Amino acid sequence: MRKYLNVFASFIIMLCIGSLYSWSIIAAELIEKYNFSLLQSQIIFGTLIAVFPITMIFVGQLARKIKFRYIGYISGLLFFSGYLIASYSQGSFILILLGIG
């Protein structure tokens, strides 16, 4: 049973990472629904693209000290809380930048 749980957790992690590639859909909604400028949507995406690999460096170092399972828990919690903040932002550029970026 545990190996199926690991496969399921890996699938969910890959979905979270893959959400990065859905930015074109998210950006179109931000521009259309909240009247963001193209620059504002690019700032959010640029921050996301910059923060993503930088955190991987630190997580790689952290993996030497704690188990990957806990890293997955922490990462999932941060991912969820970021998108939760962005979803309740009501179009606030700063909150979306903090949540997604």
PDB file of N, CA and C in Angstrom:
ATOM      1  N   MET A   1       0.821  -1.199   0.000  1.00  0.00           N
ATOM      2  CA  MET A   1       0.000   0.000   0.000  1.00  0.00           C
ATOM      3  C   MET A   1       0.864   1.262   0.000  1.00  0.00           C
ATOM      4  N   ARG A   2       1.992   1.189   0.701  1.00  0.00           N
ATOM      5  CA  ARG A   2       2.855   2.361   0.814  1.00  0.00           C
ATOM      6  C   ARG A   2       3.430   2.772  -0.538  1.00  0.00           C
ATOM      7  N   LYS A   3       3.745   1.801  -1.391  1.00  0.00           N
ATOM      8  CA  LYS A   3       4.317   2.163  -2.692  1.00  0.00           C
ATOM      9  C   LYS A   3       3.286   2.883  -3.555  1.00  0.00           C
ATOM     10  N   TYR A   4       2.008   2.543  -3.410  1.00  0.00           N
ATOM     11  CA  TYR A   4       0.967   3.251  -4.162  1.00  0.00           C
ATOM     12  C   TYR A   4       0.790   4.678  -3.645  1.00  0.00           C
ATOM     13  N   LEU A   5       0.944   4.838  -2.346  1.00  0.00           N
ATOM     14  CA  LEU A   5       0.878   6.176  -1.763  1.00  0.00           C
ATOM     15  C   LEU A   5       2.039   7.038  -2.265  1.00  0.00           C
ATOM     16  N   ASN A   6       3.219   6.438  -2.382  1.00  0.00           N
ATOM     17  CA  ASN A   6       4.371   7.167  -2.914  1.00  0.00           C
ATOM     18  C   ASN A   6       4.163   7.562  -4.369  1.00  0.00           C
ATOM     19  N   VAL A   7       3.591   6.668  -5.152  1.00  0.00           N
ATOM     20  CA  VAL A   7       3.308   6.980  -6.557  1.00  0.00           C
ATOM     21  C   VAL A   7       2.284   8.109  -6.646  1.00  0.00           C
ATOM     22  N   PHE A   8       1.249   8.044  -5.835  1.00  0.00           N
ATOM     23  CA  PHE A   8       0.227   9.092  -5.828  1.00  0.00           C
ATOM     24  C   PHE A   8       0.824  10.435  -5.406  1.00  0.00           C
ATOM     25  N   ALA A   9       1.645  10.424  -4.358  1.00  0.00           N
ATOM     26  CA  ALA A   9       2.283  11.663  -3.896  1.00  0.00           C
ATOM     27  C   ALA A   9       3.206  12.229  -4.971  1.00  0.00           C
ATOM     28  N   SER A  10       3.928  11.370  -5.663  1.00  0.00           N
ATOM     29  CA  SER A  10       4.801  11.827  -6.752  1.00  0.00           C
ATOM     30  C   SER A  10       3.992  12.446  -7.878  1.00  0.00           C
ATOM     31  N   PHE A  11       2.851  11.869  -8.164  1.00  0.00           N
ATOM     32  CA  PHE A  11       1.967  12.411  -9.197  1.00  0.00           C
ATOM     33  C   PHE A  11       1.482  13.809  -8.822  1.00  0.00           C
ATOM     34  N   ILE A  12       1.085  13.982  -7.575  1.00  0.00           N
ATOM     35  CA  ILE A  12       0.617  15.288  -7.100  1.00  0.00           C
ATOM     36  C   ILE A  12       1.752  16.314  -7.156  1.00  0.00           C
ATOM     37  N   ILE A  13       2.949  15.910  -6.776  1.00  0.00           N
ATOM     38  CA  ILE A  13       4.100  16.816  -6.839  1.00  0.00           C
ATOM     39  C   ILE A  13       4.357  17.248  -8.274  1.00  0.00           C
ATOM     40  N   MET A  14       4.276  16.329  -9.212  1.00  0.00           N
ATOM     41  CA  MET A  14       4.486  16.677 -10.622  1.00  0.00           C
ATOM     42  C   MET A  14       3.389  17.608 -11.139  1.00  0.00           C
ATOM     43  N   LEU A  15       2.167  17.441 -10.653  1.00  0.00           N
ATOM     44  CA  LEU A  15       1.099  18.376 -11.029  1.00  0.00           C
ATOM     45  C   LEU A  15       1.396  19.782 -10.520  1.00  0.00           C
ATOM     46  N   CYS A  16       1.901  19.867  -9.304  1.00  0.00           N
ATOM     47  CA  CYS A  16       2.251  21.183  -8.751  1.00  0.00           C
ATOM     48  C   CYS A  16       3.365  21.830  -9.556  1.00  0.00           C
ATOM     49  N   ILE A  17       4.378  21.065  -9.892  1.00  0.00           N
ATOM     50  CA  ILE A  17       5.468  21.601 -10.703  1.00  0.00           C
ATOM     51  C   ILE A  17       4.958  21.979 -12.088  1.00  0.00           C
ATOM     52  N   GLY A  18       4.068  21.189 -12.637  1.00  0.00           N
ATOM     53  CA  GLY A  18       3.519  21.459 -13.961  1.00  0.00           C
ATOM     54  C   GLY A  18       2.638  22.682 -14.015  1.00  0.00           C
ATOM     55  N   SER A  19       2.140  23.115 -12.862  1.00  0.00           N
ATOM     56  CA  SER A  19       1.307  24.321 -12.866  1.00  0.00           C
ATOM     57  C   SER A  19       2.096  25.534 -13.323  1.00  0.00           C
ATOM     58  N   LEU A  20       3.382  25.459 -13.232  1.00  0.00           N
ATOM     59  CA  LEU A  20       4.252  26.524 -13.735  1.00  0.00           C
ATOM     60  C   LEU A  20       4.034  26.739 -15.227  1.00  0.00           C
ATOM     61  N   TYR A  21       3.777  25.669 -15.947  1.00  0.00           N
ATOM     62  CA  TYR A  21       3.612  25.754 -17.394  1.00  0.00           C
ATOM     63  C   TYR A  21       2.222  26.223 -17.809  1.00  0.00           C
ATOM     64  N   SER A  22       1.322  26.364 -16.870  1.00  0.00           N
ATOM     65  CA  SER A  22      -0.018  26.852 -17.199  1.00  0.00           C
ATOM     66  C   SER A  22      -0.111  28.363 -17.054  1.00  0.00           C
ATOM     67  N   TRP A  23       1.025  29.022 -16.968  1.00  0.00           N
ATOM     68  CA  TRP A  23       1.018  30.457 -16.724  1.00  0.00           C
ATOM     69  C   TRP A  23       0.281  31.233 -17.800  1.00  0.00           C
ATOM     70  N   SER A  24       0.352  30.812 -19.043  1.00  0.00           N
ATOM     71  CA  SER A  24      -0.312  31.563 -20.114  1.00  0.00           C
ATOM     72  C   SER A  24      -1.816  31.656 -19.871  1.00  0.00           C
ATOM     73  N   ILE A  25      -2.399  30.634 -19.291  1.00  0.00           N
ATOM     74  CA  ILE A  25      -3.827  30.658 -18.978  1.00  0.00           C
ATOM     75  C   ILE A  25      -4.086  31.582 -17.787  1.00  0.00           C
ATOM     76  N   ILE A  26      -3.243  31.487 -16.769  1.00  0.00           N
ATOM     77  CA  ILE A  26      -3.407  32.336 -15.589  1.00  0.00           C
ATOM     78  C   ILE A  26      -3.203  33.799 -15.953  1.00  0.00           C
ATOM     79  N   ALA A  27      -2.190  34.094 -16.752  1.00  0.00           N
ATOM     80  CA  ALA A  27      -1.898  35.483 -17.135  1.00  0.00           C
ATOM     81  C   ALA A  27      -3.043  36.085 -17.931  1.00  0.00           C
ATOM     82  N   ALA A  28      -3.627  35.302 -18.819  1.00  0.00           N
ATOM     83  CA  ALA A  28      -4.754  35.813 -19.608  1.00  0.00           C
ATOM     84  C   ALA A  28      -5.926  36.185 -18.708  1.00  0.00           C
ATOM     85  N   GLU A  29      -6.182  35.386 -17.692  1.00  0.00           N
ATOM     86  CA  GLU A  29      -7.258  35.695 -16.749  1.00  0.00           C
ATOM     87  C   GLU A  29      -6.942  36.939 -15.923  1.00  0.00           C
ATOM     88  N   LEU A  30      -5.693  37.083 -15.509  1.00  0.00           N
ATOM     89  CA  LEU A  30      -5.316  38.272 -14.741  1.00  0.00           C
ATOM     90  C   LEU A  30      -5.488  39.536 -15.566  1.00  0.00           C
ATOM     91  N   ILE A  31      -5.099  39.464 -16.819  1.00  0.00           N
ATOM     92  CA  ILE A  31      -5.212  40.630 -17.700  1.00  0.00           C
ATOM     93  C   ILE A  31      -6.675  40.942 -17.991  1.00  0.00           C
ATOM     94  N   GLU A  32      -7.453  39.906 -18.253  1.00  0.00           N
ATOM     95  CA  GLU A  32      -8.857  40.111 -18.629  1.00  0.00           C
ATOM     96  C   GLU A  32      -9.735  40.471 -17.428  1.00  0.00           C
ATOM     97  N   LYS A  33      -9.605  39.709 -16.346  1.00  0.00           N
ATOM     98  CA  LYS A  33     -10.522  39.876 -15.220  1.00  0.00           C
ATOM     99  C   LYS A  33     -10.135  41.027 -14.295  1.00  0.00           C
ATOM    100  N   TYR A  34      -8.835  41.196 -14.053  1.00  0.00           N
ATOM    101  CA  TYR A  34      -8.382  42.196 -13.085  1.00  0.00           C
ATOM    102  C   TYR A  34      -7.675  43.385 -13.725  1.00  0.00           C
ATOM    103  N   ASN A  35      -7.683  43.447 -15.036  1.00  0.00           N
ATOM    104  CA  ASN A  35      -7.074  44.558 -15.776  1.00  0.00           C
ATOM    105  C   ASN A  35      -5.596  44.750 -15.449  1.00  0.00           C
ATOM    106  N   PHE A  36      -4.885  43.649 -15.276  1.00  0.00           N
ATOM    107  CA  PHE A  36      -3.445  43.738 -15.091  1.00  0.00           C
ATOM    108  C   PHE A  36      -2.811  44.138 -16.409  1.00  0.00           C
ATOM    109  N   SER A  37      -1.711  44.848 -16.322  1.00  0.00           N
ATOM    110  CA  SER A  37      -0.963  45.141 -17.541  1.00  0.00           C
ATOM    111  C   SER A  37      -0.107  43.919 -17.874  1.00  0.00           C
ATOM    112  N   LEU A  38       0.388  43.899 -19.079  1.00  0.00           N
ATOM    113  CA  LEU A  38       1.261  42.801 -19.485  1.00  0.00           C
ATOM    114  C   LEU A  38       2.518  42.791 -18.619  1.00  0.00           C
ATOM    115  N   LEU A  39       3.008  43.967 -18.272  1.00  0.00           N
ATOM    116  CA  LEU A  39       4.192  44.073 -17.424  1.00  0.00           C
ATOM    117  C   LEU A  39       3.942  43.461 -16.048  1.00  0.00           C
ATOM    118  N   GLN A  40       2.792  43.733 -15.459  1.00  0.00           N
ATOM    119  CA  GLN A  40       2.481  43.170 -14.141  1.00  0.00           C
ATOM    120  C   GLN A  40       2.440  41.648 -14.188  1.00  0.00           C
ATOM    121  N   SER A  41       1.822  41.098 -15.215  1.00  0.00           N
ATOM    122  CA  SER A  41       1.771  39.637 -15.305  1.00  0.00           C
ATOM    123  C   SER A  41       3.161  39.057 -15.555  1.00  0.00           C
ATOM    124  N   GLN A  42       4.003  39.781 -16.290  1.00  0.00           N
ATOM    125  CA  GLN A  42       5.365  39.305 -16.531  1.00  0.00           C
ATOM    126  C   GLN A  42       6.222  39.396 -15.273  1.00  0.00           C
ATOM    127  N   ILE A  43       5.970  40.386 -14.437  1.00  0.00           N
ATOM    128  CA  ILE A  43       6.706  40.491 -13.170  1.00  0.00           C
ATOM    129  C   ILE A  43       6.382  39.296 -12.275  1.00  0.00           C
ATOM    130  N   ILE A  44       5.116  38.931 -12.203  1.00  0.00           N
ATOM    131  CA  ILE A  44       4.720  37.773 -11.388  1.00  0.00           C
ATOM    132  C   ILE A  44       5.364  36.505 -11.935  1.00  0.00           C
ATOM    133  N   PHE A  45       5.289  36.317 -13.251  1.00  0.00           N
ATOM    134  CA  PHE A  45       5.873  35.120 -13.856  1.00  0.00           C
ATOM    135  C   PHE A  45       7.388  35.114 -13.698  1.00  0.00           C
ATOM    136  N   GLY A  46       8.024  36.252 -13.891  1.00  0.00           N
ATOM    137  CA  GLY A  46       9.475  36.330 -13.740  1.00  0.00           C
ATOM    138  C   GLY A  46       9.925  36.013 -12.330  1.00  0.00           C
ATOM    139  N   THR A  47       9.171  36.487 -11.358  1.00  0.00           N
ATOM    140  CA  THR A  47       9.482  36.182  -9.963  1.00  0.00           C
ATOM    141  C   THR A  47       9.327  34.691  -9.703  1.00  0.00           C
ATOM    142  N   LEU A  48       8.271  34.114 -10.231  1.00  0.00           N
ATOM    143  CA  LEU A  48       8.041  32.675 -10.090  1.00  0.00           C
ATOM    144  C   LEU A  48       9.184  31.879 -10.706  1.00  0.00           C
ATOM    145  N   ILE A  49       9.586  32.259 -11.906  1.00  0.00           N
ATOM    146  CA  ILE A  49      10.661  31.552 -12.599  1.00  0.00           C
ATOM    147  C   ILE A  49      11.997  31.735 -11.873  1.00  0.00           C
ATOM    148  N   ALA A  50      12.213  32.871 -11.240  1.00  0.00           N
ATOM    149  CA  ALA A  50      13.462  33.110 -10.512  1.00  0.00           C
ATOM    150  C   ALA A  50      13.492  32.372  -9.174  1.00  0.00           C
ATOM    151  N   VAL A  51      12.378  32.400  -8.454  1.00  0.00           N
ATOM    152  CA  VAL A  51      12.334  31.796  -7.121  1.00  0.00           C
ATOM    153  C   VAL A  51      12.368  30.270  -7.201  1.00  0.00           C
ATOM    154  N   PHE A  52      11.749  29.715  -8.206  1.00  0.00           N
ATOM    155  CA  PHE A  52      11.632  28.257  -8.328  1.00  0.00           C
ATOM    156  C   PHE A  52      13.001  27.561  -8.321  1.00  0.00           C
ATOM    157  N   PRO A  53      13.944  27.903  -9.204  1.00  0.00           N
ATOM    158  CA  PRO A  53      15.238  27.200  -9.167  1.00  0.00           C
ATOM    159  C   PRO A  53      16.110  27.582  -7.973  1.00  0.00           C
ATOM    160  N   ILE A  54      15.959  28.804  -7.476  1.00  0.00           N
ATOM    161  CA  ILE A  54      16.760  29.209  -6.314  1.00  0.00           C
ATOM    162  C   ILE A  54      16.377  28.375  -5.094  1.00  0.00           C
ATOM    163  N   THR A  55      15.087  28.148  -4.911  1.00  0.00           N
ATOM    164  CA  THR A  55      14.666  27.327  -3.772  1.00  0.00           C
ATOM    165  C   THR A  55      15.118  25.881  -3.927  1.00  0.00           C
ATOM    166  N   MET A  56      15.244  25.414  -5.156  1.00  0.00           N
ATOM    167  CA  MET A  56      15.730  24.042  -5.367  1.00  0.00           C
ATOM    168  C   MET A  56      17.148  23.868  -4.836  1.00  0.00           C
ATOM    169  N   ILE A  57      17.965  24.902  -4.965  1.00  0.00           N
ATOM    170  CA  ILE A  57      19.334  24.833  -4.444  1.00  0.00           C
ATOM    171  C   ILE A  57      19.310  24.640  -2.933  1.00  0.00           C
ATOM    172  N   PHE A  58      18.491  25.421  -2.247  1.00  0.00           N
ATOM    173  CA  PHE A  58      18.423  25.317  -0.792  1.00  0.00           C
ATOM    174  C   PHE A  58      17.766  24.016  -0.342  1.00  0.00           C
ATOM    175  N   VAL A  59      16.790  23.558  -1.085  1.00  0.00           N
ATOM    176  CA  VAL A  59      16.141  22.292  -0.735  1.00  0.00           C
ATOM    177  C   VAL A  59      17.117  21.139  -0.913  1.00  0.00           C
ATOM    178  N   GLY A  60      17.970  21.223  -1.918  1.00  0.00           N
ATOM    179  CA  GLY A  60      18.997  20.195  -2.097  1.00  0.00           C
ATOM    180  C   GLY A  60      19.928  20.117  -0.902  1.00  0.00           C
ATOM    181  N   GLN A  61      20.299  21.254  -0.358  1.00  0.00           N
ATOM    182  CA  GLN A  61      21.137  21.278   0.843  1.00  0.00           C
ATOM    183  C   GLN A  61      20.360  20.788   2.066  1.00  0.00           C
ATOM    184  N   LEU A  62      19.096  21.155   2.134  1.00  0.00           N
ATOM    185  CA  LEU A  62      18.255  20.751   3.254  1.00  0.00           C
ATOM    186  C   LEU A  62      17.991  19.244   3.242  1.00  0.00           C
ATOM    187  N   ALA A  63      17.996  18.650   2.069  1.00  0.00           N
ATOM    188  CA  ALA A  63      17.713  17.218   1.943  1.00  0.00           C
ATOM    189  C   ALA A  63      18.782  16.364   2.611  1.00  0.00           C
ATOM    190  N   ARG A  64      19.938  16.921   2.819  1.00  0.00           N
ATOM    191  CA  ARG A  64      20.985  16.173   3.523  1.00  0.00           C
ATOM    192  C   ARG A  64      20.674  16.034   5.010  1.00  0.00           C
ATOM    193  N   LYS A  65      19.819  16.923   5.516  1.00  0.00           N
ATOM    194  CA  LYS A  65      19.553  16.947   6.952  1.00  0.00           C
ATOM    195  C   LYS A  65      18.209  16.346   7.338  1.00  0.00           C
ATOM    196  N   ILE A  66      17.203  16.481   6.480  1.00  0.00           N
ATOM    197  CA  ILE A  66      15.886  15.930   6.808  1.00  0.00           C
ATOM    198  C   ILE A  66      15.407  15.032   5.673  1.00  0.00           C
ATOM    199  N   LYS A  67      14.412  14.225   5.962  1.00  0.00           N
ATOM    200  CA  LYS A  67      13.905  13.259   4.987  1.00  0.00           C
ATOM    201  C   LYS A  67      13.128  13.951   3.879  1.00  0.00           C
ATOM    202  N   PHE A  68      13.145  13.314   2.708  1.00  0.00           N
ATOM    203  CA  PHE A  68      12.436  13.859   1.557  1.00  0.00           C
ATOM    204  C   PHE A  68      10.937  13.964   1.813  1.00  0.00           C
ATOM    205  N   ARG A  69      10.404  13.080   2.619  1.00  0.00           N
ATOM    206  CA  ARG A  69       8.978  13.117   2.925  1.00  0.00           C
ATOM    207  C   ARG A  69       8.608  14.449   3.574  1.00  0.00           C
ATOM    208  N   TYR A  70       9.425  14.891   4.513  1.00  0.00           N
ATOM    209  CA  TYR A  70       9.146  16.158   5.192  1.00  0.00           C
ATOM    210  C   TYR A  70       9.341  17.349   4.262  1.00  0.00           C
ATOM    211  N   ILE A  71      10.302  17.243   3.372  1.00  0.00           N
ATOM    212  CA  ILE A  71      10.483  18.290   2.368  1.00  0.00           C
ATOM    213  C   ILE A  71       9.241  18.371   1.485  1.00  0.00           C
ATOM    214  N   GLY A  72       8.697  17.224   1.128  1.00  0.00           N
ATOM    215  CA  GLY A  72       7.460  17.194   0.343  1.00  0.00           C
ATOM    216  C   GLY A  72       6.293  17.820   1.087  1.00  0.00           C
ATOM    217  N   TYR A  73       6.190  17.523   2.379  1.00  0.00           N
ATOM    218  CA  TYR A  73       5.120  18.120   3.189  1.00  0.00           C
ATOM    219  C   TYR A  73       5.251  19.639   3.248  1.00  0.00           C
ATOM    220  N   ILE A  74       6.459  20.101   3.525  1.00  0.00           N
ATOM    221  CA  ILE A  74       6.694  21.546   3.626  1.00  0.00           C
ATOM    222  C   ILE A  74       6.445  22.222   2.286  1.00  0.00           C
ATOM    223  N   SER A  75       6.941  21.615   1.219  1.00  0.00           N
ATOM    224  CA  SER A  75       6.752  22.194  -0.117  1.00  0.00           C
ATOM    225  C   SER A  75       5.283  22.251  -0.493  1.00  0.00           C
ATOM    226  N   GLY A  76       4.559  21.187  -0.206  1.00  0.00           N
ATOM    227  CA  GLY A  76       3.129  21.164  -0.499  1.00  0.00           C
ATOM    228  C   GLY A  76       2.368  22.214   0.283  1.00  0.00           C
ATOM    229  N   LEU A  77       2.739  22.381   1.539  1.00  0.00           N
ATOM    230  CA  LEU A  77       2.091  23.392   2.373  1.00  0.00           C
ATOM    231  C   LEU A  77       2.371  24.798   1.845  1.00  0.00           C
ATOM    232  N   LEU A  78       3.609  25.065   1.459  1.00  0.00           N
ATOM    233  CA  LEU A  78       3.955  26.378   0.908  1.00  0.00           C
ATOM    234  C   LEU A  78       3.253  26.625  -0.421  1.00  0.00           C
ATOM    235  N   PHE A  79       3.206  25.599  -1.273  1.00  0.00           N
ATOM    236  CA  PHE A  79       2.536  25.726  -2.567  1.00  0.00           C
ATOM    237  C   PHE A  79       1.052  26.024  -2.365  1.00  0.00           C
ATOM    238  N   PHE A  80       0.421  25.250  -1.492  1.00  0.00           N
ATOM    239  CA  PHE A  80      -1.001  25.438  -1.217  1.00  0.00           C
ATOM    240  C   PHE A  80      -1.279  26.815  -0.627  1.00  0.00           C
ATOM    241  N   SER A  81      -0.472  27.221   0.351  1.00  0.00           N
ATOM    242  CA  SER A  81      -0.720  28.521   0.984  1.00  0.00           C
ATOM    243  C   SER A  81      -0.492  29.669   0.010  1.00  0.00           C
ATOM    244  N   GLY A  82       0.468  29.536  -0.893  1.00  0.00           N
ATOM    245  CA  GLY A  82       0.699  30.576  -1.890  1.00  0.00           C
ATOM    246  C   GLY A  82      -0.472  30.742  -2.833  1.00  0.00           C
ATOM    247  N   TYR A  83      -0.976  29.646  -3.340  1.00  0.00           N
ATOM    248  CA  TYR A  83      -2.127  29.731  -4.234  1.00  0.00           C
ATOM    249  C   TYR A  83      -3.392  30.135  -3.480  1.00  0.00           C
ATOM    250  N   LEU A  84      -3.478  29.784  -2.197  1.00  0.00           N
ATOM    251  CA  LEU A  84      -4.617  30.221  -1.386  1.00  0.00           C
ATOM    252  C   LEU A  84      -4.587  31.738  -1.200  1.00  0.00           C
ATOM    253  N   ILE A  85      -3.423  32.275  -0.907  1.00  0.00           N
ATOM    254  CA  ILE A  85      -3.280  33.733  -0.784  1.00  0.00           C
ATOM    255  C   ILE A  85      -3.660  34.406  -2.093  1.00  0.00           C
ATOM    256  N   ALA A  86      -3.161  33.874  -3.198  1.00  0.00           N
ATOM    257  CA  ALA A  86      -3.460  34.466  -4.503  1.00  0.00           C
ATOM    258  C   ALA A  86      -4.948  34.365  -4.834  1.00  0.00           C
ATOM    259  N   SER A  87      -5.588  33.277  -4.427  1.00  0.00           N
ATOM    260  CA  SER A  87      -7.004  33.115  -4.760  1.00  0.00           C
ATOM    261  C   SER A  87      -7.899  34.071  -3.971  1.00  0.00           C
ATOM    262  N   TYR A  88      -7.472  34.472  -2.782  1.00  0.00           N
ATOM    263  CA  TYR A  88      -8.242  35.419  -1.978  1.00  0.00           C
ATOM    264  C   TYR A  88      -7.789  36.866  -2.164  1.00  0.00           C
ATOM    265  N   SER A  89      -6.945  37.121  -3.127  1.00  0.00           N
ATOM    266  CA  SER A  89      -6.366  38.455  -3.301  1.00  0.00           C
ATOM    267  C   SER A  89      -7.330  39.463  -3.898  1.00  0.00           C
ATOM    268  N   GLN A  90      -8.359  39.018  -4.563  1.00  0.00           N
ATOM    269  CA  GLN A  90      -9.341  39.881  -5.229  1.00  0.00           C
ATOM    270  C   GLN A  90      -8.667  40.853  -6.191  1.00  0.00           C
ATOM    271  N   GLY A  91      -7.641  40.363  -6.868  1.00  0.00           N
ATOM    272  CA  GLY A  91      -6.984  41.167  -7.893  1.00  0.00           C
ATOM    273  C   GLY A  91      -5.877  42.061  -7.398  1.00  0.00           C
ATOM    274  N   SER A  92      -5.482  41.938  -6.152  1.00  0.00           N
ATOM    275  CA  SER A  92      -4.384  42.747  -5.627  1.00  0.00           C
ATOM    276  C   SER A  92      -3.060  42.235  -6.198  1.00  0.00           C
ATOM    277  N   PHE A  93      -2.367  43.112  -6.900  1.00  0.00           N
ATOM    278  CA  PHE A  93      -1.100  42.731  -7.530  1.00  0.00           C
ATOM    279  C   PHE A  93      -0.097  42.224  -6.497  1.00  0.00           C
ATOM    280  N   ILE A  94       0.021  42.911  -5.382  1.00  0.00           N
ATOM    281  CA  ILE A  94       1.003  42.544  -4.360  1.00  0.00           C
ATOM    282  C   ILE A  94       0.690  41.168  -3.770  1.00  0.00           C
ATOM    283  N   LEU A  95      -0.572  40.902  -3.472  1.00  0.00           N
ATOM    284  CA  LEU A  95      -0.924  39.599  -2.897  1.00  0.00           C
ATOM    285  C   LEU A  95      -0.717  38.468  -3.894  1.00  0.00           C
ATOM    286  N   ILE A  96      -1.032  38.710  -5.145  1.00  0.00           N
ATOM    287  CA  ILE A  96      -0.797  37.676  -6.155  1.00  0.00           C
ATOM    288  C   ILE A  96       0.698  37.458  -6.334  1.00  0.00           C
ATOM    289  N   LEU A  97       1.465  38.531  -6.315  1.00  0.00           N
ATOM    290  CA  LEU A  97       2.918  38.409  -6.423  1.00  0.00           C
ATOM    291  C   LEU A  97       3.486  37.632  -5.244  1.00  0.00           C
ATOM    292  N   LEU A  98       3.015  37.918  -4.039  1.00  0.00           N
ATOM    293  CA  LEU A  98       3.487  37.194  -2.860  1.00  0.00           C
ATOM    294  C   LEU A  98       3.022  35.743  -2.861  1.00  0.00           C
ATOM    295  N   GLY A  99       1.802  35.508  -3.326  1.00  0.00           N
ATOM    296  CA  GLY A  99       1.262  34.152  -3.309  1.00  0.00           C
ATOM    297  C   GLY A  99       1.855  33.258  -4.377  1.00  0.00           C
ATOM    298  N   ILE A 100       1.846  33.717  -5.602  1.00  0.00           N
ATOM    299  CA  ILE A 100       2.315  32.880  -6.709  1.00  0.00           C
ATOM    300  C   ILE A 100       3.812  33.047  -6.930  1.00  0.00           C
ATOM    301  N   GLY A 101       4.276  34.279  -6.870  1.00  0.00           N
ATOM    302  CA  GLY A 101       5.696  34.544  -7.130  1.00  0.00           C
ATOM    303  C   GLY A 101       6.529  34.182  -5.949  1.00  0.00           C
TER     304      GLY A 101
END
